[in-house]
Every structure is written in C-alpha cells, then in structure tokens.
Amino acid sequence: MTFLIRTAGSGDEEAIYRLLYGLAEYEKLLGRFFVTREAVIRDYLCDNPLIRCELACEDDRAIGIATWFWTYAGFAAQRGMYLEDLFVMPGVRGRGYGKALMAHLAATARASGAIRIDWNVLDWNQPSLDFYESLGAKRHEGGYYYRLDGEAMKKLCG
C-alpha cells in the first residue's frame, strides 16, 4: 500500500467533489452544499485558483482532502494560511492521514513564510476538536466567528 499527498490537478474533479460531499454529509450540512464538478474546475483547478486543494491518496485513490487559501495577518504584517476543509474518509481514519495532511500544510505554510494556520471547527464535533488539540493547536480565545450573508448582506449593500 502506497500513500502520498499531492496537489490536486486536472482530472481530480470527481475525487474533490466526492470528498467534499462526504464532508458535508458528515457535518450534516448537505442542505448548504452547492458544490458542482464545474465549480471545482472553475475555482480549484484553474490557472489562478481561488482555493488550493491537497489530496491524500492511498494506492492512487483519493481518500482525504485539505482545501485552503492564503490570508494576511495585518498586525503581524505576514502571510497566514486558512484551512477551509479537512476530511478523511471514515473507512481509513486512524491511519495518520489527517495528521499527514496537517503536517503537509504546516510545511507548505512555513516554506512560504506564513506565521500561522487558522480554521474553524463545529462546536459539536468533539472528534475533530480532540484531533486538532492532539496536534498542539489551541482554541483561539478573545473573539467570535461572524458571518454576513443572505438578506443581511443584501440589506447592507443597499
């Protein structure tokens, strides 16, 4: 059995879609899942992607995914990384693939001069909270996560 982490590329549309669908299903968010294969090609696999994608592969089969993008830490005046999605298929969990994806992202961030990786976790997702804390991640205190969307965003725009 061979394992590798690689950057997603042309031809990975179905694997990306399948893994993101699996994550939405796991998080009980299928009602908010609007990803299509066309959106994957447009946003993940174009020449200047809006979001980056790393795949964990076991014997050439994608079994895990990490999607991320660069941010900027204004007060620190340095680059950061934001982890949007991390998912490993349930049948292969416990083999170190999630940790390998996180280590890969940390190395990518460090090599590019990023000072941190940020992400959000659903408050009910204790297995993920435990996993991230086992890596040494700390829950950020001193702020709340906010979102402006839908009608509120429309109203604010005028």
Protein backbone atom coordinates (compact mmCIF):
# COMPACT_ATOMS: atom_id res chain seq x y z
CA MET A 1 0.00 0.00 0.00
CA THR A 2 1.40 3.39 -1.01
CA PHE A 3 0.44 6.71 0.49
CA LEU A 4 1.17 10.19 -0.79
CA ILE A 5 -0.10 13.73 -0.52
CA ARG A 6 -0.27 15.72 -3.72
CA THR A 7 -1.69 18.93 -5.04
CA ALA A 8 -4.94 18.33 -6.92
CA GLY A 9 -4.83 18.80 -10.66
CA SER A 10 -6.80 18.33 -13.83
CA GLY A 11 -8.68 15.05 -13.71
CA ASP A 12 -9.29 15.25 -9.94
CA GLU A 13 -12.73 16.89 -10.25
CA GLU A 14 -14.67 13.79 -9.26
CA ALA A 15 -12.41 12.98 -6.29
CA ILE A 16 -12.62 16.55 -4.96
CA TYR A 17 -16.38 16.60 -5.37
CA ARG A 18 -16.78 13.18 -3.71
CA LEU A 19 -14.63 14.11 -0.71
CA LEU A 20 -16.29 17.50 -0.19
CA TYR A 21 -19.70 15.82 -0.43
CA GLY A 22 -18.55 13.32 2.20
CA LEU A 23 -17.51 16.17 4.48
CA ALA A 24 -20.84 17.97 4.03
CA GLU A 25 -22.64 14.72 4.80
CA TYR A 26 -20.52 14.11 7.93
CA GLU A 27 -21.12 17.67 9.15
CA LYS A 28 -24.87 17.36 8.47
CA LEU A 29 -24.67 20.31 6.05
CA LEU A 30 -25.90 18.77 2.79
CA GLY A 31 -28.66 21.40 2.69
CA ARG A 32 -25.93 24.02 2.27
CA PHE A 33 -23.78 22.02 -0.16
CA PHE A 34 -23.84 23.66 -3.59
CA VAL A 35 -20.50 22.44 -4.99
CA THR A 36 -20.60 21.10 -8.53
CA ARG A 37 -17.92 19.49 -10.64
CA GLU A 38 -17.99 22.66 -12.78
CA ALA A 39 -17.35 24.80 -9.70
CA VAL A 40 -14.43 22.55 -8.77
CA ILE A 41 -12.88 23.07 -12.22
CA ARG A 42 -13.58 26.82 -12.12
CA ASP A 43 -12.37 27.54 -8.56
CA TYR A 44 -9.90 24.79 -7.59
CA LEU A 45 -8.27 23.66 -10.81
CA CYS A 46 -7.90 26.86 -12.85
CA ASP A 47 -4.64 28.70 -13.57
CA ASN A 48 -5.13 31.06 -10.64
CA PRO A 49 -7.23 29.06 -8.13
CA LEU A 50 -9.45 30.78 -5.59
CA ILE A 51 -8.79 27.90 -3.23
CA ARG A 52 -5.98 25.35 -3.10
CA CYS A 53 -6.50 21.63 -2.72
CA GLU A 54 -4.28 18.84 -1.44
CA LEU A 55 -5.28 15.20 -1.77
CA ALA A 56 -4.20 12.32 0.43
CA CYS A 57 -4.02 9.22 -1.74
CA GLU A 58 -3.80 5.56 -0.85
CA ASP A 59 -2.82 3.38 -3.80
CA ASP A 60 -3.72 6.21 -6.25
CA ARG A 61 -7.21 6.62 -4.71
CA ALA A 62 -8.01 9.97 -3.07
CA ILE A 63 -9.08 9.23 0.50
CA GLY A 64 -8.55 12.63 2.13
CA ILE A 65 -8.67 16.30 1.26
CA ALA A 66 -7.43 19.64 2.59
CA THR A 67 -8.63 22.87 1.00
CA TRP A 68 -7.00 26.14 1.93
CA PHE A 69 -6.08 29.68 0.87
CA TRP A 70 -3.59 32.36 1.81
CA THR A 71 -4.55 35.09 4.25
CA TYR A 72 -2.73 38.08 5.64
CA ALA A 73 -2.13 38.76 9.32
CA GLY A 74 -2.43 42.55 9.28
CA PHE A 75 -0.94 43.39 12.67
CA ALA A 76 1.88 40.88 12.21
CA ALA A 77 2.43 42.06 8.62
CA GLN A 78 2.91 38.48 7.47
CA ARG A 79 1.21 35.79 5.46
CA GLY A 80 -1.13 33.27 7.04
CA MET A 81 -2.99 30.21 5.82
CA TYR A 82 -6.67 29.44 6.27
CA LEU A 83 -7.74 25.80 6.29
CA GLU A 84 -11.25 25.69 4.84
CA ASP A 85 -11.83 21.93 4.80
CA LEU A 86 -10.08 18.84 6.14
CA PHE A 87 -11.65 15.44 5.64
CA VAL A 88 -10.51 11.84 5.64
CA MET A 89 -12.93 9.13 4.58
CA PRO A 90 -14.36 7.28 7.59
CA GLY A 91 -13.13 3.85 6.44
CA VAL A 92 -9.46 4.90 6.54
CA ARG A 93 -9.39 7.09 9.63
CA GLY A 94 -6.90 6.27 12.34
CA ARG A 95 -4.05 5.61 9.90
CA GLY A 96 -2.42 9.03 10.31
CA TYR A 97 -3.71 10.56 7.07
CA GLY A 98 -5.30 13.60 8.75
CA LYS A 99 -2.10 14.27 10.66
CA ALA A 100 -0.08 13.85 7.46
CA LEU A 101 -2.30 16.39 5.68
CA MET A 102 -1.89 18.86 8.54
CA ALA A 103 1.88 18.33 8.57
CA HIS A 104 1.96 18.91 4.80
CA LEU A 105 0.02 22.17 5.23
CA ALA A 106 2.30 23.29 8.06
CA ALA A 107 5.36 22.65 5.90
CA THR A 108 3.77 24.50 2.97
CA ALA A 109 2.90 27.44 5.21
CA ARG A 110 6.36 27.57 6.75
CA ALA A 111 8.13 27.33 3.40
CA SER A 112 6.10 30.31 2.18
CA GLY A 113 6.77 32.44 5.25
CA ALA A 114 3.33 32.05 6.81
CA ILE A 115 3.23 32.50 10.56
CA ARG A 116 0.05 30.56 11.29
CA ILE A 117 -2.78 28.36 10.09
CA ASP A 118 -6.31 29.24 11.14
CA TRP A 119 -9.55 27.27 10.83
CA ASN A 120 -12.98 26.77 12.38
CA VAL A 121 -14.46 23.62 13.87
CA LEU A 122 -18.13 22.94 14.50
CA ASP A 123 -18.72 23.04 18.25
CA TRP A 124 -20.37 19.60 18.35
CA ASN A 125 -17.51 17.88 16.52
CA GLN A 126 -15.59 16.50 19.51
CA PRO A 127 -13.52 14.00 17.48
CA SER A 128 -12.14 16.87 15.37
CA LEU A 129 -11.60 19.10 18.40
CA ASP A 130 -9.64 16.27 20.06
CA PHE A 131 -7.65 15.63 16.87
CA TYR A 132 -6.60 19.26 16.41
CA GLU A 133 -5.68 19.65 20.06
CA SER A 134 -3.57 16.46 19.84
CA LEU A 135 -1.51 18.27 17.20
CA GLY A 136 -0.83 21.14 19.58
CA ALA A 137 -3.43 23.52 18.13
CA LYS A 138 -5.04 25.87 20.62
CA ARG A 139 -8.57 27.19 20.53
CA HIS A 140 -8.35 30.92 19.86
CA GLU A 141 -9.91 32.95 22.65
CA GLY A 142 -10.86 36.59 22.62
CA GLY A 143 -13.16 36.72 19.64
CA TYR A 144 -16.21 35.29 17.94
CA TYR A 145 -16.65 33.99 14.44
CA TYR A 146 -19.09 36.17 12.47
CA ARG A 147 -20.73 35.81 9.09
CA LEU A 148 -22.61 38.33 6.96
CA ASP A 149 -24.64 36.73 4.18
CA GLY A 150 -28.07 36.39 2.60
CA GLU A 151 -30.60 39.09 3.36
CA ALA A 152 -28.36 40.89 5.84
CA MET A 153 -25.63 41.30 3.22
CA LYS A 154 -28.19 42.38 0.62
CA LYS A 155 -29.63 44.96 3.02
CA LEU A 156 -26.20 46.33 3.90
CA CYS A 157 -25.37 46.77 0.21
CA GLY A 158 -28.44 48.95 -0.12
